[in-house]
Amino acid sequence: MADVHIGFQRLVELYQLQLVQPLFTRSRIGTRLQRDEASGREIKTWTPSYQPEDSLRGHFEFGLKYERVNLEFFSRLFTTIDPQELADWVRQARRIRKTA
């Protein structure tokens, strides 16, 4: 089964980010929950039920919940994405909170 990355690593791929310091955590979809270490980094395998929506919001929220924060990643991502996409996401989240 080929790796299907999720979370921050998927956003690195989607936005073609070039990081100086690699992400500590790489999450992927597999057949069972598992945590491995390789070259001082962790590889987390999640079952398909954890698969986030294949979007900025889906992978970013997954990364915030289950992966280590990487400030370089955030900096490069936020200078790459369309500010309107981020603004729309925030507005939508605010509307949802007001109706809840």
PDB file of N, CA and C in Angstrom:
ATOM      1  N   MET A   1       0.851  -1.185   0.000  1.00  0.00           N
ATOM      2  CA  MET A   1       0.000   0.000   0.000  1.00  0.00           C
ATOM      3  C   MET A   1       0.891   1.239   0.000  1.00  0.00           C
ATOM      4  N   ALA A   2       0.712   2.113  -0.948  1.00  0.00           N
ATOM      5  CA  ALA A   2       1.489   3.340  -1.029  1.00  0.00           C
ATOM      6  C   ALA A   2       1.045   4.300   0.077  1.00  0.00           C
ATOM      7  N   ASP A   3       2.007   5.082   0.582  1.00  0.00           N
ATOM      8  CA  ASP A   3       1.685   6.049   1.620  1.00  0.00           C
ATOM      9  C   ASP A   3       0.742   7.124   1.083  1.00  0.00           C
ATOM     10  N   VAL A   4      -0.277   7.388   1.849  1.00  0.00           N
ATOM     11  CA  VAL A   4      -1.170   8.507   1.586  1.00  0.00           C
ATOM     12  C   VAL A   4      -0.978   9.440   2.774  1.00  0.00           C
ATOM     13  N   HIS A   5      -0.225  10.503   2.587  1.00  0.00           N
ATOM     14  CA  HIS A   5       0.062  11.413   3.677  1.00  0.00           C
ATOM     15  C   HIS A   5      -1.156  12.264   4.009  1.00  0.00           C
ATOM     16  N   ILE A   6      -1.258  12.585   5.286  1.00  0.00           N
ATOM     17  CA  ILE A   6      -2.316  13.463   5.775  1.00  0.00           C
ATOM     18  C   ILE A   6      -1.682  14.477   6.714  1.00  0.00           C
ATOM     19  N   GLY A   7      -2.444  15.473   7.098  1.00  0.00           N
ATOM     20  CA  GLY A   7      -1.950  16.457   8.045  1.00  0.00           C
ATOM     21  C   GLY A   7      -0.966  17.429   7.408  1.00  0.00           C
ATOM     22  N   PHE A   8      -0.006  17.867   8.214  1.00  0.00           N
ATOM     23  CA  PHE A   8       0.940  18.872   7.749  1.00  0.00           C
ATOM     24  C   PHE A   8       1.760  18.396   6.552  1.00  0.00           C
ATOM     25  N   GLN A   9       2.144  17.117   6.520  1.00  0.00           N
ATOM     26  CA  GLN A   9       2.929  16.618   5.384  1.00  0.00           C
ATOM     27  C   GLN A   9       2.139  16.717   4.083  1.00  0.00           C
ATOM     28  N   ARG A  10       0.851  16.469   4.146  1.00  0.00           N
ATOM     29  CA  ARG A  10       0.025  16.600   2.935  1.00  0.00           C
ATOM     30  C   ARG A  10      -0.003  18.053   2.460  1.00  0.00           C
ATOM     31  N   LEU A  11      -0.045  18.990   3.386  1.00  0.00           N
ATOM     32  CA  LEU A  11      -0.021  20.398   2.998  1.00  0.00           C
ATOM     33  C   LEU A  11       1.327  20.795   2.404  1.00  0.00           C
ATOM     34  N   VAL A  12       2.406  20.217   2.922  1.00  0.00           N
ATOM     35  CA  VAL A  12       3.723  20.444   2.326  1.00  0.00           C
ATOM     36  C   VAL A  12       3.693  20.014   0.863  1.00  0.00           C
ATOM     37  N   GLU A  13       3.090  18.875   0.598  1.00  0.00           N
ATOM     38  CA  GLU A  13       2.993  18.359  -0.771  1.00  0.00           C
ATOM     39  C   GLU A  13       2.059  19.211  -1.630  1.00  0.00           C
ATOM     40  N   LEU A  14       0.877  19.531  -1.112  1.00  0.00           N
ATOM     41  CA  LEU A  14      -0.106  20.297  -1.882  1.00  0.00           C
ATOM     42  C   LEU A  14       0.409  21.683  -2.283  1.00  0.00           C
ATOM     43  N   TYR A  15       1.113  22.339  -1.358  1.00  0.00           N
ATOM     44  CA  TYR A  15       1.585  23.699  -1.605  1.00  0.00           C
ATOM     45  C   TYR A  15       3.055  23.747  -2.007  1.00  0.00           C
ATOM     46  N   GLN A  16       3.646  22.576  -2.208  1.00  0.00           N
ATOM     47  CA  GLN A  16       5.039  22.456  -2.657  1.00  0.00           C
ATOM     48  C   GLN A  16       5.980  23.304  -1.807  1.00  0.00           C
ATOM     49  N   LEU A  17       5.857  23.144  -0.492  1.00  0.00           N
ATOM     50  CA  LEU A  17       6.686  23.904   0.436  1.00  0.00           C
ATOM     51  C   LEU A  17       8.076  23.280   0.531  1.00  0.00           C
ATOM     52  N   GLN A  18       9.076  24.115   0.608  1.00  0.00           N
ATOM     53  CA  GLN A  18      10.459  23.666   0.785  1.00  0.00           C
ATOM     54  C   GLN A  18      10.880  24.024   2.207  1.00  0.00           C
ATOM     55  N   LEU A  19      10.930  23.030   3.084  1.00  0.00           N
ATOM     56  CA  LEU A  19      11.285  23.257   4.480  1.00  0.00           C
ATOM     57  C   LEU A  19      12.769  23.009   4.695  1.00  0.00           C
ATOM     58  N   VAL A  20      13.402  23.869   5.480  1.00  0.00           N
ATOM     59  CA  VAL A  20      14.793  23.665   5.859  1.00  0.00           C
ATOM     60  C   VAL A  20      14.851  22.535   6.885  1.00  0.00           C
ATOM     61  N   GLN A  21      13.965  22.598   7.863  1.00  0.00           N
ATOM     62  CA  GLN A  21      13.880  21.583   8.915  1.00  0.00           C
ATOM     63  C   GLN A  21      12.683  20.689   8.616  1.00  0.00           C
ATOM     64  N   PRO A  22      12.900  19.409   8.360  1.00  0.00           N
ATOM     65  CA  PRO A  22      11.764  18.531   8.047  1.00  0.00           C
ATOM     66  C   PRO A  22      10.775  18.436   9.215  1.00  0.00           C
ATOM     67  N   LEU A  23       9.551  18.136   8.899  1.00  0.00           N
ATOM     68  CA  LEU A  23       8.542  17.938   9.931  1.00  0.00           C
ATOM     69  C   LEU A  23       8.948  16.773  10.826  1.00  0.00           C
ATOM     70  N   PHE A  24       8.701  16.899  12.138  1.00  0.00           N
ATOM     71  CA  PHE A  24       9.019  15.815  13.062  1.00  0.00           C
ATOM     72  C   PHE A  24       8.071  14.640  12.858  1.00  0.00           C
ATOM     73  N   THR A  25       6.811  14.960  12.585  1.00  0.00           N
ATOM     74  CA  THR A  25       5.789  13.928  12.440  1.00  0.00           C
ATOM     75  C   THR A  25       5.326  13.856  10.991  1.00  0.00           C
ATOM     76  N   ARG A  26       5.222  12.645  10.501  1.00  0.00           N
ATOM     77  CA  ARG A  26       4.587  12.404   9.205  1.00  0.00           C
ATOM     78  C   ARG A  26       3.446  11.433   9.461  1.00  0.00           C
ATOM     79  N   SER A  27       2.267  11.875   9.124  1.00  0.00           N
ATOM     80  CA  SER A  27       1.090  11.032   9.318  1.00  0.00           C
ATOM     81  C   SER A  27       0.671  10.463   7.974  1.00  0.00           C
ATOM     82  N   ARG A  28       0.150   9.258   8.031  1.00  0.00           N
ATOM     83  CA  ARG A  28      -0.291   8.590   6.808  1.00  0.00           C
ATOM     84  C   ARG A  28      -1.470   7.694   7.136  1.00  0.00           C
ATOM     85  N   ILE A  29      -2.155   7.286   6.095  1.00  0.00           N
ATOM     86  CA  ILE A  29      -3.270   6.355   6.240  1.00  0.00           C
ATOM     87  C   ILE A  29      -2.742   4.944   6.013  1.00  0.00           C
ATOM     88  N   GLY A  30      -3.183   4.037   6.848  1.00  0.00           N
ATOM     89  CA  GLY A  30      -2.796   2.635   6.720  1.00  0.00           C
ATOM     90  C   GLY A  30      -3.924   1.747   7.214  1.00  0.00           C
ATOM     91  N   THR A  31      -3.581   0.513   7.520  1.00  0.00           N
ATOM     92  CA  THR A  31      -4.613  -0.438   7.919  1.00  0.00           C
ATOM     93  C   THR A  31      -4.836  -0.505   9.431  1.00  0.00           C
ATOM     94  N   ARG A  32      -3.862   0.005  10.208  1.00  0.00           N
ATOM     95  CA  ARG A  32      -4.029  -0.011  11.666  1.00  0.00           C
ATOM     96  C   ARG A  32      -3.255   1.137  12.298  1.00  0.00           C
ATOM     97  N   LEU A  33      -3.676   1.537  13.497  1.00  0.00           N
ATOM     98  CA  LEU A  33      -2.981   2.595  14.218  1.00  0.00           C
ATOM     99  C   LEU A  33      -1.588   2.112  14.609  1.00  0.00           C
ATOM    100  N   GLN A  34      -0.603   2.960  14.367  1.00  0.00           N
ATOM    101  CA  GLN A  34       0.770   2.551  14.628  1.00  0.00           C
ATOM    102  C   GLN A  34       1.647   3.793  14.733  1.00  0.00           C
ATOM    103  N   ARG A  35       2.710   3.714  15.544  1.00  0.00           N
ATOM    104  CA  ARG A  35       3.694   4.784  15.648  1.00  0.00           C
ATOM    105  C   ARG A  35       5.074   4.160  15.516  1.00  0.00           C
ATOM    106  N   ASP A  36       5.855   4.685  14.574  1.00  0.00           N
ATOM    107  CA  ASP A  36       7.215   4.215  14.353  1.00  0.00           C
ATOM    108  C   ASP A  36       8.162   5.398  14.414  1.00  0.00           C
ATOM    109  N   GLU A  37       9.449   5.104  14.607  1.00  0.00           N
ATOM    110  CA  GLU A  37      10.469   6.137  14.556  1.00  0.00           C
ATOM    111  C   GLU A  37      11.481   5.759  13.494  1.00  0.00           C
ATOM    112  N   ALA A  38      11.950   6.778  12.773  1.00  0.00           N
ATOM    113  CA  ALA A  38      12.972   6.583  11.753  1.00  0.00           C
ATOM    114  C   ALA A  38      13.780   7.869  11.640  1.00  0.00           C
ATOM    115  N   SER A  39      15.073   7.764  11.762  1.00  0.00           N
ATOM    116  CA  SER A  39      15.974   8.920  11.627  1.00  0.00           C
ATOM    117  C   SER A  39      15.586  10.070  12.547  1.00  0.00           C
ATOM    118  N   GLY A  40      15.205   9.750  13.771  1.00  0.00           N
ATOM    119  CA  GLY A  40      14.859  10.779  14.736  1.00  0.00           C
ATOM    120  C   GLY A  40      13.518  11.446  14.508  1.00  0.00           C
ATOM    121  N   ARG A  41      12.717  10.904  13.644  1.00  0.00           N
ATOM    122  CA  ARG A  41      11.382  11.442  13.342  1.00  0.00           C
ATOM    123  C   ARG A  41      10.347  10.360  13.633  1.00  0.00           C
ATOM    124  N   GLU A  42       9.094  10.792  13.779  1.00  0.00           N
ATOM    125  CA  GLU A  42       8.048   9.805  14.012  1.00  0.00           C
ATOM    126  C   GLU A  42       7.159   9.675  12.780  1.00  0.00           C
ATOM    127  N   ILE A  43       6.700   8.455  12.581  1.00  0.00           N
ATOM    128  CA  ILE A  43       5.757   8.160  11.503  1.00  0.00           C
ATOM    129  C   ILE A  43       4.525   7.581  12.177  1.00  0.00           C
ATOM    130  N   LYS A  44       3.415   8.281  12.005  1.00  0.00           N
ATOM    131  CA  LYS A  44       2.162   7.827  12.603  1.00  0.00           C
ATOM    132  C   LYS A  44       1.264   7.303  11.500  1.00  0.00           C
ATOM    133  N   THR A  45       0.743   6.121  11.723  1.00  0.00           N
ATOM    134  CA  THR A  45      -0.189   5.515  10.779  1.00  0.00           C
ATOM    135  C   THR A  45      -1.570   5.532  11.418  1.00  0.00           C
ATOM    136  N   TRP A  46      -2.523   6.023  10.663  1.00  0.00           N
ATOM    137  CA  TRP A  46      -3.903   6.169  11.119  1.00  0.00           C
ATOM    138  C   TRP A  46      -4.814   5.335  10.229  1.00  0.00           C
ATOM    139  N   THR A  47      -5.888   4.847  10.791  1.00  0.00           N
ATOM    140  CA  THR A  47      -6.851   4.087  10.002  1.00  0.00           C
ATOM    141  C   THR A  47      -7.661   5.046   9.124  1.00  0.00           C
ATOM    142  N   PRO A  48      -8.301   4.535   8.085  1.00  0.00           N
ATOM    143  CA  PRO A  48      -9.068   5.403   7.175  1.00  0.00           C
ATOM    144  C   PRO A  48     -10.127   6.262   7.854  1.00  0.00           C
ATOM    145  N   SER A  49     -10.599   5.873   9.024  1.00  0.00           N
ATOM    146  CA  SER A  49     -11.609   6.682   9.712  1.00  0.00           C
ATOM    147  C   SER A  49     -11.065   8.048  10.136  1.00  0.00           C
ATOM    148  N   TYR A  50      -9.750   8.204  10.191  1.00  0.00           N
ATOM    149  CA  TYR A  50      -9.126   9.481  10.541  1.00  0.00           C
ATOM    150  C   TYR A  50      -8.884  10.372   9.325  1.00  0.00           C
ATOM    151  N   GLN A  51      -9.132   9.874   8.134  1.00  0.00           N
ATOM    152  CA  GLN A  51      -8.834  10.620   6.906  1.00  0.00           C
ATOM    153  C   GLN A  51      -9.536  11.976   6.919  1.00  0.00           C
ATOM    154  N   PRO A  52      -8.777  13.068   6.917  1.00  0.00           N
ATOM    155  CA  PRO A  52      -9.421  14.382   6.868  1.00  0.00           C
ATOM    156  C   PRO A  52      -9.840  14.738   5.445  1.00  0.00           C
ATOM    157  N   GLU A  53     -10.683  15.753   5.335  1.00  0.00           N
ATOM    158  CA  GLU A  53     -11.028  16.289   4.018  1.00  0.00           C
ATOM    159  C   GLU A  53      -9.733  16.746   3.349  1.00  0.00           C
ATOM    160  N   ASP A  54      -9.587  16.463   2.059  1.00  0.00           N
ATOM    161  CA  ASP A  54      -8.350  16.812   1.344  1.00  0.00           C
ATOM    162  C   ASP A  54      -8.379  18.297   0.967  1.00  0.00           C
ATOM    163  N   SER A  55      -8.207  19.133   1.997  1.00  0.00           N
ATOM    164  CA  SER A  55      -8.247  20.580   1.825  1.00  0.00           C
ATOM    165  C   SER A  55      -7.311  21.210   2.848  1.00  0.00           C
ATOM    166  N   LEU A  56      -7.067  22.491   2.685  1.00  0.00           N
ATOM    167  CA  LEU A  56      -6.256  23.224   3.661  1.00  0.00           C
ATOM    168  C   LEU A  56      -6.835  23.034   5.059  1.00  0.00           C
ATOM    169  N   ARG A  57      -8.115  23.281   5.186  1.00  0.00           N
ATOM    170  CA  ARG A  57      -8.752  23.189   6.502  1.00  0.00           C
ATOM    171  C   ARG A  57      -8.673  21.777   7.082  1.00  0.00           C
ATOM    172  N   GLY A  58      -9.015  20.779   6.282  1.00  0.00           N
ATOM    173  CA  GLY A  58      -9.024  19.402   6.779  1.00  0.00           C
ATOM    174  C   GLY A  58      -7.664  18.958   7.282  1.00  0.00           C
ATOM    175  N   HIS A  59      -6.637  19.164   6.490  1.00  0.00           N
ATOM    176  CA  HIS A  59      -5.296  18.714   6.883  1.00  0.00           C
ATOM    177  C   HIS A  59      -4.691  19.581   7.979  1.00  0.00           C
ATOM    178  N   PHE A  60      -4.988  20.887   7.960  1.00  0.00           N
ATOM    179  CA  PHE A  60      -4.455  21.771   8.991  1.00  0.00           C
ATOM    180  C   PHE A  60      -5.055  21.419  10.352  1.00  0.00           C
ATOM    181  N   GLU A  61      -6.361  21.229  10.406  1.00  0.00           N
ATOM    182  CA  GLU A  61      -7.004  20.864  11.668  1.00  0.00           C
ATOM    183  C   GLU A  61      -6.500  19.510  12.168  1.00  0.00           C
ATOM    184  N   PHE A  62      -6.329  18.558  11.257  1.00  0.00           N
ATOM    185  CA  PHE A  62      -5.784  17.253  11.652  1.00  0.00           C
ATOM    186  C   PHE A  62      -4.388  17.439  12.261  1.00  0.00           C
ATOM    187  N   GLY A  63      -3.545  18.204  11.588  1.00  0.00           N
ATOM    188  CA  GLY A  63      -2.185  18.440  12.076  1.00  0.00           C
ATOM    189  C   GLY A  63      -2.169  19.088  13.445  1.00  0.00           C
ATOM    190  N   LEU A  64      -3.036  20.062  13.666  1.00  0.00           N
ATOM    191  CA  LEU A  64      -3.089  20.711  14.977  1.00  0.00           C
ATOM    192  C   LEU A  64      -3.501  19.736  16.078  1.00  0.00           C
ATOM    193  N   LYS A  65      -4.366  18.804  15.754  1.00  0.00           N
ATOM    194  CA  LYS A  65      -4.838  17.843  16.751  1.00  0.00           C
ATOM    195  C   LYS A  65      -3.806  16.760  17.057  1.00  0.00           C
ATOM    196  N   TYR A  66      -3.100  16.267  16.021  1.00  0.00           N
ATOM    197  CA  TYR A  66      -2.342  15.030  16.190  1.00  0.00           C
ATOM    198  C   TYR A  66      -0.837  15.124  15.919  1.00  0.00           C
ATOM    199  N   GLU A  67      -0.342  16.270  15.493  1.00  0.00           N
ATOM    200  CA  GLU A  67       1.076  16.369  15.136  1.00  0.00           C
ATOM    201  C   GLU A  67       1.758  17.485  15.914  1.00  0.00           C
ATOM    202  N   ARG A  68       3.081  17.464  15.893  1.00  0.00           N
ATOM    203  CA  ARG A  68       3.848  18.510  16.561  1.00  0.00           C
ATOM    204  C   ARG A  68       3.839  19.790  15.733  1.00  0.00           C
ATOM    205  N   VAL A  69       3.796  20.896  16.435  1.00  0.00           N
ATOM    206  CA  VAL A  69       3.817  22.208  15.796  1.00  0.00           C
ATOM    207  C   VAL A  69       5.213  22.472  15.228  1.00  0.00           C
ATOM    208  N   ASN A  70       5.248  23.065  14.028  1.00  0.00           N
ATOM    209  CA  ASN A  70       6.500  23.427  13.372  1.00  0.00           C
ATOM    210  C   ASN A  70       6.332  24.859  12.854  1.00  0.00           C
ATOM    211  N   LEU A  71       7.000  25.814  13.507  1.00  0.00           N
ATOM    212  CA  LEU A  71       6.801  27.221  13.171  1.00  0.00           C
ATOM    213  C   LEU A  71       7.289  27.562  11.771  1.00  0.00           C
ATOM    214  N   GLU A  72       8.354  26.925  11.317  1.00  0.00           N
ATOM    215  CA  GLU A  72       8.805  27.170   9.944  1.00  0.00           C
ATOM    216  C   GLU A  72       7.718  26.749   8.954  1.00  0.00           C
ATOM    217  N   PHE A  73       7.112  25.602   9.197  1.00  0.00           N
ATOM    218  CA  PHE A  73       6.021  25.132   8.335  1.00  0.00           C
ATOM    219  C   PHE A  73       4.902  26.166   8.281  1.00  0.00           C
ATOM    220  N   PHE A  74       4.455  26.651   9.465  1.00  0.00           N
ATOM    221  CA  PHE A  74       3.388  27.648   9.503  1.00  0.00           C
ATOM    222  C   PHE A  74       3.771  28.891   8.706  1.00  0.00           C
ATOM    223  N   SER A  75       4.973  29.375   8.915  1.00  0.00           N
ATOM    224  CA  SER A  75       5.432  30.579   8.225  1.00  0.00           C
ATOM    225  C   SER A  75       5.408  30.399   6.710  1.00  0.00           C
ATOM    226  N   ARG A  76       5.940  29.291   6.241  1.00  0.00           N
ATOM    227  CA  ARG A  76       5.980  29.051   4.797  1.00  0.00           C
ATOM    228  C   ARG A  76       4.573  28.814   4.226  1.00  0.00           C
ATOM    229  N   LEU A  77       3.747  28.106   4.966  1.00  0.00           N
ATOM    230  CA  LEU A  77       2.382  27.858   4.500  1.00  0.00           C
ATOM    231  C   LEU A  77       1.601  29.167   4.379  1.00  0.00           C
ATOM    232  N   PHE A  78       1.656  30.001   5.426  1.00  0.00           N
ATOM    233  CA  PHE A  78       0.849  31.222   5.429  1.00  0.00           C
ATOM    234  C   PHE A  78       1.349  32.267   4.445  1.00  0.00           C
ATOM    235  N   THR A  79       2.584  32.172   3.998  1.00  0.00           N
ATOM    236  CA  THR A  79       3.042  33.091   2.943  1.00  0.00           C
ATOM    237  C   THR A  79       2.750  32.535   1.558  1.00  0.00           C
ATOM    238  N   THR A  80       2.302  31.279   1.492  1.00  0.00           N
ATOM    239  CA  THR A  80       2.025  30.630   0.209  1.00  0.00           C
ATOM    240  C   THR A  80       0.542  30.617  -0.136  1.00  0.00           C
ATOM    241  N   ILE A  81      -0.298  30.398   0.864  1.00  0.00           N
ATOM    242  CA  ILE A  81      -1.730  30.253   0.582  1.00  0.00           C
ATOM    243  C   ILE A  81      -2.366  31.598   0.238  1.00  0.00           C
ATOM    244  N   ASP A  82      -3.478  31.511  -0.425  1.00  0.00           N
ATOM    245  CA  ASP A  82      -4.260  32.683  -0.785  1.00  0.00           C
ATOM    246  C   ASP A  82      -4.901  33.241   0.498  1.00  0.00           C
ATOM    247  N   PRO A  83      -4.631  34.500   0.846  1.00  0.00           N
ATOM    248  CA  PRO A  83      -5.219  35.067   2.069  1.00  0.00           C
ATOM    249  C   PRO A  83      -6.740  34.988   2.086  1.00  0.00           C
ATOM    250  N   GLN A  84      -7.355  35.041   0.917  1.00  0.00           N
ATOM    251  CA  GLN A  84      -8.816  34.967   0.853  1.00  0.00           C
ATOM    252  C   GLN A  84      -9.304  33.592   1.309  1.00  0.00           C
ATOM    253  N   GLU A  85      -8.558  32.534   0.977  1.00  0.00           N
ATOM    254  CA  GLU A  85      -8.931  31.180   1.409  1.00  0.00           C
ATOM    255  C   GLU A  85      -8.934  31.100   2.937  1.00  0.00           C
ATOM    256  N   LEU A  86      -7.926  31.676   3.556  1.00  0.00           N
ATOM    257  CA  LEU A  86      -7.843  31.682   5.010  1.00  0.00           C
ATOM    258  C   LEU A  86      -8.962  32.530   5.619  1.00  0.00           C
ATOM    259  N   ALA A  87      -9.231  33.698   5.042  1.00  0.00           N
ATOM    260  CA  ALA A  87     -10.287  34.572   5.540  1.00  0.00           C
ATOM    261  C   ALA A  87     -11.659  33.895   5.435  1.00  0.00           C
ATOM    262  N   ASP A  88     -11.908  33.203   4.323  1.00  0.00           N
ATOM    263  CA  ASP A  88     -13.177  32.489   4.149  1.00  0.00           C
ATOM    264  C   ASP A  88     -13.340  31.403   5.207  1.00  0.00           C
ATOM    265  N   TRP A  89     -12.263  30.697   5.495  1.00  0.00           N
ATOM    266  CA  TRP A  89     -12.282  29.642   6.505  1.00  0.00           C
ATOM    267  C   TRP A  89     -12.645  30.231   7.868  1.00  0.00           C
ATOM    268  N   VAL A  90     -12.015  31.337   8.241  1.00  0.00           N
ATOM    269  CA  VAL A  90     -12.274  31.970   9.537  1.00  0.00           C
ATOM    270  C   VAL A  90     -13.725  32.456   9.606  1.00  0.00           C
ATOM    271  N   ARG A  91     -14.198  33.081   8.533  1.00  0.00           N
ATOM    272  CA  ARG A  91     -15.590  33.554   8.521  1.00  0.00           C
ATOM    273  C   ARG A  91     -16.577  32.390   8.684  1.00  0.00           C
ATOM    274  N   GLN A  92     -16.311  31.313   7.978  1.00  0.00           N
ATOM    275  CA  GLN A  92     -17.190  30.146   8.063  1.00  0.00           C
ATOM    276  C   GLN A  92     -17.186  29.576   9.486  1.00  0.00           C
ATOM    277  N   ALA A  93     -16.024  29.484  10.089  1.00  0.00           N
ATOM    278  CA  ALA A  93     -15.928  28.964  11.456  1.00  0.00           C
ATOM    279  C   ALA A  93     -16.670  29.869  12.439  1.00  0.00           C
ATOM    280  N   ARG A  94     -16.600  31.168  12.240  1.00  0.00           N
ATOM    281  CA  ARG A  94     -17.319  32.108  13.106  1.00  0.00           C
ATOM    282  C   ARG A  94     -18.822  31.934  12.968  1.00  0.00           C
ATOM    283  N   ARG A  95     -19.300  31.745  11.735  1.00  0.00           N
ATOM    284  CA  ARG A  95     -20.745  31.545  11.519  1.00  0.00           C
ATOM    285  C   ARG A  95     -21.210  30.260  12.220  1.00  0.00           C
ATOM    286  N   ILE A  96     -20.433  29.222  12.142  1.00  0.00           N
ATOM    287  CA  ILE A  96     -20.794  27.958  12.759  1.00  0.00           C
ATOM    288  C   ILE A  96     -20.856  28.116  14.285  1.00  0.00           C
ATOM    289  N   ARG A  97     -19.889  28.824  14.857  1.00  0.00           N
ATOM    290  CA  ARG A  97     -19.873  29.033  16.313  1.00  0.00           C
ATOM    291  C   ARG A  97     -21.064  29.857  16.764  1.00  0.00           C
ATOM    292  N   LYS A  98     -21.475  30.845  15.965  1.00  0.00           N
ATOM    293  CA  LYS A  98     -22.618  31.692  16.351  1.00  0.00           C
ATOM    294  C   LYS A  98     -23.924  30.920  16.342  1.00  0.00           C
ATOM    295  N   THR A  99     -24.067  29.949  15.443  1.00  0.00           N
ATOM    296  CA  THR A  99     -25.316  29.188  15.356  1.00  0.00           C
ATOM    297  C   THR A  99     -25.353  28.021  16.327  1.00  0.00           C
ATOM    298  N   ALA A 100     -24.217  27.669  16.902  1.00  0.00           N
ATOM    299  CA  ALA A 100     -24.169  26.519  17.819  1.00  0.00           C
ATOM    300  C   ALA A 100     -24.659  26.869  19.208  1.00  0.00           C
TER     301      ALA A 100
END
